[in-house]
Amino acid sequence: MIALEMIFYGLNKAVILGVLHAVDLGGSMTIHMFGAYFGLTATFFFKSRRAITESWEQSKGNYNS
């Protein structure tokens, strides 16, 4: 997982700074954008299939959660 994070962070930084020519002085835009996209992708691929088909709906959010 760490190797994938390093590769995709480098790719993300190259796209932001090289292709889009965005100015990121502190590096906060690259790290937060990477965290958002990598987190969503990891959640999609590592989610439990049982949680999707759960009949009791214990994994869902509610007003108290």
PDB file of N, CA and C in Angstrom:
ATOM      1  N   MET A   1       0.821  -1.181   0.000  1.00  0.00           N
ATOM      2  CA  MET A   1       0.000   0.000   0.000  1.00  0.00           C
ATOM      3  C   MET A   1       0.873   1.257   0.000  1.00  0.00           C
ATOM      4  N   ILE A   2       1.940   1.227   0.750  1.00  0.00           N
ATOM      5  CA  ILE A   2       2.823   2.401   0.812  1.00  0.00           C
ATOM      6  C   ILE A   2       3.466   2.661  -0.539  1.00  0.00           C
ATOM      7  N   ALA A   3       3.844   1.597  -1.237  1.00  0.00           N
ATOM      8  CA  ALA A   3       4.447   1.777  -2.562  1.00  0.00           C
ATOM      9  C   ALA A   3       3.443   2.416  -3.523  1.00  0.00           C
ATOM     10  N   LEU A   4       2.184   2.005  -3.457  1.00  0.00           N
ATOM     11  CA  LEU A   4       1.164   2.610  -4.311  1.00  0.00           C
ATOM     12  C   LEU A   4       0.941   4.080  -3.959  1.00  0.00           C
ATOM     13  N   GLU A   5       0.949   4.377  -2.667  1.00  0.00           N
ATOM     14  CA  GLU A   5       0.776   5.763  -2.249  1.00  0.00           C
ATOM     15  C   GLU A   5       1.903   6.643  -2.772  1.00  0.00           C
ATOM     16  N   MET A   6       3.117   6.163  -2.707  1.00  0.00           N
ATOM     17  CA  MET A   6       4.259   6.947  -3.188  1.00  0.00           C
ATOM     18  C   MET A   6       4.168   7.192  -4.698  1.00  0.00           C
ATOM     19  N   ILE A   7       3.797   6.165  -5.438  1.00  0.00           N
ATOM     20  CA  ILE A   7       3.691   6.291  -6.890  1.00  0.00           C
ATOM     21  C   ILE A   7       2.589   7.273  -7.261  1.00  0.00           C
ATOM     22  N   PHE A   8       1.423   7.112  -6.662  1.00  0.00           N
ATOM     23  CA  PHE A   8       0.298   7.970  -7.028  1.00  0.00           C
ATOM     24  C   PHE A   8       0.451   9.388  -6.499  1.00  0.00           C
ATOM     25  N   TYR A   9       1.147   9.579  -5.381  1.00  0.00           N
ATOM     26  CA  TYR A   9       1.414  10.935  -4.914  1.00  0.00           C
ATOM     27  C   TYR A   9       2.354  11.649  -5.883  1.00  0.00           C
ATOM     28  N   GLY A  10       3.367  10.946  -6.351  1.00  0.00           N
ATOM     29  CA  GLY A  10       4.277  11.543  -7.335  1.00  0.00           C
ATOM     30  C   GLY A  10       3.566  11.870  -8.636  1.00  0.00           C
ATOM     31  N   LEU A  11       2.687  10.991  -9.069  1.00  0.00           N
ATOM     32  CA  LEU A  11       1.909  11.234 -10.275  1.00  0.00           C
ATOM     33  C   LEU A  11       0.969  12.424 -10.086  1.00  0.00           C
ATOM     34  N   ASN A  12       0.333  12.492  -8.937  1.00  0.00           N
ATOM     35  CA  ASN A  12      -0.564  13.606  -8.627  1.00  0.00           C
ATOM     36  C   ASN A  12       0.194  14.930  -8.626  1.00  0.00           C
ATOM     37  N   LYS A  13       1.360  14.937  -8.027  1.00  0.00           N
ATOM     38  CA  LYS A  13       2.169  16.164  -7.960  1.00  0.00           C
ATOM     39  C   LYS A  13       2.643  16.578  -9.349  1.00  0.00           C
ATOM     40  N   ALA A  14       3.016  15.601 -10.169  1.00  0.00           N
ATOM     41  CA  ALA A  14       3.455  15.911 -11.531  1.00  0.00           C
ATOM     42  C   ALA A  14       2.320  16.504 -12.352  1.00  0.00           C
ATOM     43  N   VAL A  15       1.117  15.987 -12.167  1.00  0.00           N
ATOM     44  CA  VAL A  15      -0.024  16.515 -12.919  1.00  0.00           C
ATOM     45  C   VAL A  15      -0.362  17.924 -12.458  1.00  0.00           C
ATOM     46  N   ILE A  16      -0.397  18.142 -11.158  1.00  0.00           N
ATOM     47  CA  ILE A  16      -0.771  19.462 -10.639  1.00  0.00           C
ATOM     48  C   ILE A  16       0.261  20.520 -11.018  1.00  0.00           C
ATOM     49  N   LEU A  17       1.527  20.213 -10.804  1.00  0.00           N
ATOM     50  CA  LEU A  17       2.559  21.219 -11.046  1.00  0.00           C
ATOM     51  C   LEU A  17       3.020  21.269 -12.498  1.00  0.00           C
ATOM     52  N   GLY A  18       3.059  20.115 -13.164  1.00  0.00           N
ATOM     53  CA  GLY A  18       3.580  20.087 -14.528  1.00  0.00           C
ATOM     54  C   GLY A  18       2.545  20.322 -15.599  1.00  0.00           C
ATOM     55  N   VAL A  19       1.429  19.639 -15.516  1.00  0.00           N
ATOM     56  CA  VAL A  19       0.415  19.734 -16.562  1.00  0.00           C
ATOM     57  C   VAL A  19      -0.498  20.940 -16.345  1.00  0.00           C
ATOM     58  N   LEU A  20      -1.004  21.091 -15.116  1.00  0.00           N
ATOM     59  CA  LEU A  20      -1.925  22.182 -14.830  1.00  0.00           C
ATOM     60  C   LEU A  20      -1.223  23.512 -14.542  1.00  0.00           C
ATOM     61  N   HIS A  21       0.084  23.463 -14.267  1.00  0.00           N
ATOM     62  CA  HIS A  21       0.892  24.651 -13.951  1.00  0.00           C
ATOM     63  C   HIS A  21       0.308  25.436 -12.784  1.00  0.00           C
ATOM     64  N   ALA A  22      -0.181  24.734 -11.782  1.00  0.00           N
ATOM     65  CA  ALA A  22      -0.734  25.376 -10.593  1.00  0.00           C
ATOM     66  C   ALA A  22       0.396  25.764  -9.651  1.00  0.00           C
ATOM     67  N   VAL A  23       0.229  26.875  -8.967  1.00  0.00           N
ATOM     68  CA  VAL A  23       1.215  27.344  -8.007  1.00  0.00           C
ATOM     69  C   VAL A  23       0.796  26.835  -6.625  1.00  0.00           C
ATOM     70  N   ASP A  24       1.647  26.008  -6.016  1.00  0.00           N
ATOM     71  CA  ASP A  24       1.349  25.423  -4.712  1.00  0.00           C
ATOM     72  C   ASP A  24       2.546  25.667  -3.809  1.00  0.00           C
ATOM     73  N   LEU A  25       2.553  26.781  -3.098  1.00  0.00           N
ATOM     74  CA  LEU A  25       3.727  27.184  -2.322  1.00  0.00           C
ATOM     75  C   LEU A  25       4.012  26.277  -1.141  1.00  0.00           C
ATOM     76  N   GLY A  26       3.019  25.938  -0.378  1.00  0.00           N
ATOM     77  CA  GLY A  26       3.229  25.122   0.813  1.00  0.00           C
ATOM     78  C   GLY A  26       3.053  23.635   0.588  1.00  0.00           C
ATOM     79  N   GLY A  27       2.563  23.244  -0.553  1.00  0.00           N
ATOM     80  CA  GLY A  27       2.319  21.840  -0.832  1.00  0.00           C
ATOM     81  C   GLY A  27       0.999  21.329  -0.286  1.00  0.00           C
ATOM     82  N   SER A  28       0.180  22.227   0.237  1.00  0.00           N
ATOM     83  CA  SER A  28      -1.064  21.781   0.853  1.00  0.00           C
ATOM     84  C   SER A  28      -2.084  21.319  -0.178  1.00  0.00           C
ATOM     85  N   MET A  29      -2.081  21.934  -1.351  1.00  0.00           N
ATOM     86  CA  MET A  29      -3.051  21.529  -2.370  1.00  0.00           C
ATOM     87  C   MET A  29      -2.754  20.116  -2.869  1.00  0.00           C
ATOM     88  N   THR A  30      -1.497  19.793  -3.068  1.00  0.00           N
ATOM     89  CA  THR A  30      -1.155  18.474  -3.594  1.00  0.00           C
ATOM     90  C   THR A  30      -1.435  17.377  -2.573  1.00  0.00           C
ATOM     91  N   ILE A  31      -1.116  17.595  -1.323  1.00  0.00           N
ATOM     92  CA  ILE A  31      -1.310  16.547  -0.328  1.00  0.00           C
ATOM     93  C   ILE A  31      -2.790  16.339  -0.020  1.00  0.00           C
ATOM     94  N   HIS A  32      -3.570  17.408   0.026  1.00  0.00           N
ATOM     95  CA  HIS A  32      -4.989  17.255   0.315  1.00  0.00           C
ATOM     96  C   HIS A  32      -5.745  16.671  -0.878  1.00  0.00           C
ATOM     97  N   MET A  33      -5.368  17.057  -2.074  1.00  0.00           N
ATOM     98  CA  MET A  33      -6.006  16.487  -3.255  1.00  0.00           C
ATOM     99  C   MET A  33      -5.664  15.005  -3.381  1.00  0.00           C
ATOM    100  N   PHE A  34      -4.416  14.657  -3.103  1.00  0.00           N
ATOM    101  CA  PHE A  34      -4.023  13.253  -3.132  1.00  0.00           C
ATOM    102  C   PHE A  34      -4.773  12.457  -2.075  1.00  0.00           C
ATOM    103  N   GLY A  35      -4.862  12.984  -0.871  1.00  0.00           N
ATOM    104  CA  GLY A  35      -5.567  12.282   0.209  1.00  0.00           C
ATOM    105  C   GLY A  35      -7.026  12.044  -0.109  1.00  0.00           C
ATOM    106  N   ALA A  36      -7.655  13.030  -0.723  1.00  0.00           N
ATOM    107  CA  ALA A  36      -9.070  12.884  -1.067  1.00  0.00           C
ATOM    108  C   ALA A  36      -9.263  11.807  -2.128  1.00  0.00           C
ATOM    109  N   TYR A  37      -8.528  11.892  -3.213  1.00  0.00           N
ATOM    110  CA  TYR A  37      -8.723  10.941  -4.307  1.00  0.00           C
ATOM    111  C   TYR A  37      -8.233   9.540  -3.953  1.00  0.00           C
ATOM    112  N   PHE A  38      -7.105   9.434  -3.270  1.00  0.00           N
ATOM    113  CA  PHE A  38      -6.603   8.114  -2.898  1.00  0.00           C
ATOM    114  C   PHE A  38      -7.511   7.465  -1.862  1.00  0.00           C
ATOM    115  N   GLY A  39      -8.028   8.254  -0.934  1.00  0.00           N
ATOM    116  CA  GLY A  39      -8.943   7.716   0.067  1.00  0.00           C
ATOM    117  C   GLY A  39     -10.234   7.200  -0.542  1.00  0.00           C
ATOM    118  N   LEU A  40     -10.785   7.948  -1.488  1.00  0.00           N
ATOM    119  CA  LEU A  40     -11.999   7.491  -2.163  1.00  0.00           C
ATOM    120  C   LEU A  40     -11.753   6.226  -2.975  1.00  0.00           C
ATOM    121  N   THR A  41     -10.624   6.176  -3.649  1.00  0.00           N
ATOM    122  CA  THR A  41     -10.303   4.999  -4.452  1.00  0.00           C
ATOM    123  C   THR A  41     -10.053   3.787  -3.568  1.00  0.00           C
ATOM    124  N   ALA A  42      -9.326   3.955  -2.481  1.00  0.00           N
ATOM    125  CA  ALA A  42      -9.059   2.836  -1.576  1.00  0.00           C
ATOM    126  C   ALA A  42     -10.348   2.339  -0.925  1.00  0.00           C
ATOM    127  N   THR A  43     -11.239   3.259  -0.575  1.00  0.00           N
ATOM    128  CA  THR A  43     -12.513   2.859   0.003  1.00  0.00           C
ATOM    129  C   THR A  43     -13.339   2.058  -0.983  1.00  0.00           C
ATOM    130  N   PHE A  44     -13.312   2.464  -2.241  1.00  0.00           N
ATOM    131  CA  PHE A  44     -14.079   1.757  -3.262  1.00  0.00           C
ATOM    132  C   PHE A  44     -13.563   0.339  -3.463  1.00  0.00           C
ATOM    133  N   PHE A  45     -12.239   0.161  -3.478  1.00  0.00           N
ATOM    134  CA  PHE A  45     -11.682  -1.153  -3.767  1.00  0.00           C
ATOM    135  C   PHE A  45     -11.596  -2.066  -2.547  1.00  0.00           C
ATOM    136  N   PHE A  46     -11.534  -1.512  -1.340  1.00  0.00           N
ATOM    137  CA  PHE A  46     -11.362  -2.338  -0.151  1.00  0.00           C
ATOM    138  C   PHE A  46     -12.609  -2.462   0.706  1.00  0.00           C
ATOM    139  N   LYS A  47     -13.743  -1.975   0.235  1.00  0.00           N
ATOM    140  CA  LYS A  47     -14.960  -2.080   1.042  1.00  0.00           C
ATOM    141  C   LYS A  47     -15.447  -3.525   1.077  1.00  0.00           C
ATOM    142  N   SER A  48     -16.107  -3.848   2.138  1.00  0.00           N
ATOM    143  CA  SER A  48     -16.622  -5.197   2.309  1.00  0.00           C
ATOM    144  C   SER A  48     -17.859  -5.390   1.441  1.00  0.00           C
ATOM    145  N   ARG A  49     -17.897  -6.452   0.686  1.00  0.00           N
ATOM    146  CA  ARG A  49     -19.064  -6.739  -0.150  1.00  0.00           C
ATOM    147  C   ARG A  49     -20.264  -7.120   0.717  1.00  0.00           C
ATOM    148  N   ARG A  50     -19.990  -7.637   1.894  1.00  0.00           N
ATOM    149  CA  ARG A  50     -21.068  -8.014   2.808  1.00  0.00           C
ATOM    150  C   ARG A  50     -21.793  -6.779   3.339  1.00  0.00           C
ATOM    151  N   ALA A  51     -21.081  -5.673   3.464  1.00  0.00           N
ATOM    152  CA  ALA A  51     -21.708  -4.449   3.961  1.00  0.00           C
ATOM    153  C   ALA A  51     -22.708  -3.890   2.963  1.00  0.00           C
ATOM    154  N   ILE A  52     -22.517  -4.172   1.696  1.00  0.00           N
ATOM    155  CA  ILE A  52     -23.445  -3.677   0.673  1.00  0.00           C
ATOM    156  C   ILE A  52     -24.762  -4.427   0.734  1.00  0.00           C
ATOM    157  N   THR A  53     -24.688  -5.737   0.945  1.00  0.00           N
ATOM    158  CA  THR A  53     -25.888  -6.563   0.913  1.00  0.00           C
ATOM    159  C   THR A  53     -26.439  -6.859   2.307  1.00  0.00           C
ATOM    160  N   GLU A  54     -26.054  -6.100   3.290  1.00  0.00           N
ATOM    161  CA  GLU A  54     -26.495  -6.344   4.652  1.00  0.00           C
ATOM    162  C   GLU A  54     -27.993  -6.056   4.794  1.00  0.00           C
ATOM    163  N   SER A  55     -28.742  -6.989   5.348  1.00  0.00           N
ATOM    164  CA  SER A  55     -30.186  -6.822   5.443  1.00  0.00           C
ATOM    165  C   SER A  55     -30.607  -6.009   6.669  1.00  0.00           C
ATOM    166  N   TRP A  56     -29.801  -5.982   7.720  1.00  0.00           N
ATOM    167  CA  TRP A  56     -30.167  -5.253   8.937  1.00  0.00           C
ATOM    168  C   TRP A  56     -29.807  -3.775   8.859  1.00  0.00           C
ATOM    169  N   GLU A  57     -29.038  -3.403   7.856  1.00  0.00           N
ATOM    170  CA  GLU A  57     -28.643  -2.015   7.612  1.00  0.00           C
ATOM    171  C   GLU A  57     -27.905  -1.400   8.804  1.00  0.00           C
ATOM    172  N   GLN A  58     -27.030  -2.154   9.422  1.00  0.00           N
ATOM    173  CA  GLN A  58     -26.253  -1.641  10.556  1.00  0.00           C
ATOM    174  C   GLN A  58     -25.130  -0.723  10.094  1.00  0.00           C
ATOM    175  N   SER A  59     -24.734  -0.798   8.829  1.00  0.00           N
ATOM    176  CA  SER A  59     -23.622   0.009   8.344  1.00  0.00           C
ATOM    177  C   SER A  59     -24.056   1.394   7.883  1.00  0.00           C
ATOM    178  N   LYS A  60     -25.338   1.648   7.846  1.00  0.00           N
ATOM    179  CA  LYS A  60     -25.830   2.932   7.381  1.00  0.00           C
ATOM    180  C   LYS A  60     -25.738   3.982   8.476  1.00  0.00           C
ATOM    181  N   GLY A  61     -25.622   5.221   8.056  1.00  0.00           N
ATOM    182  CA  GLY A  61     -25.628   6.316   8.995  1.00  0.00           C
ATOM    183  C   GLY A  61     -27.051   6.678   9.384  1.00  0.00           C
ATOM    184  N   ASN A  62     -27.168   7.327  10.505  1.00  0.00           N
ATOM    185  CA  ASN A  62     -28.475   7.807  10.941  1.00  0.00           C
ATOM    186  C   ASN A  62     -28.280   9.138  11.650  1.00  0.00           C
ATOM    187  N   TYR A  63     -29.326   9.625  12.260  1.00  0.00           N
ATOM    188  CA  TYR A  63     -29.262  10.944  12.905  1.00  0.00           C
ATOM    189  C   TYR A  63     -28.252  10.957  14.056  1.00  0.00           C
ATOM    190  N   ASN A  64     -28.091   9.865  14.766  1.00  0.00           N
ATOM    191  CA  ASN A  64     -27.226   9.820  15.943  1.00  0.00           C
ATOM    192  C   ASN A  64     -25.769   9.535  15.612  1.00  0.00           C
ATOM    193  N   SER A  65     -25.460   9.138  14.393  1.00  0.00           N
ATOM    194  CA  SER A  65     -24.075   8.754  14.090  1.00  0.00           C
ATOM    195  C   SER A  65     -23.188   9.937  13.791  1.00  0.00           C
TER     196      SER A  65
END
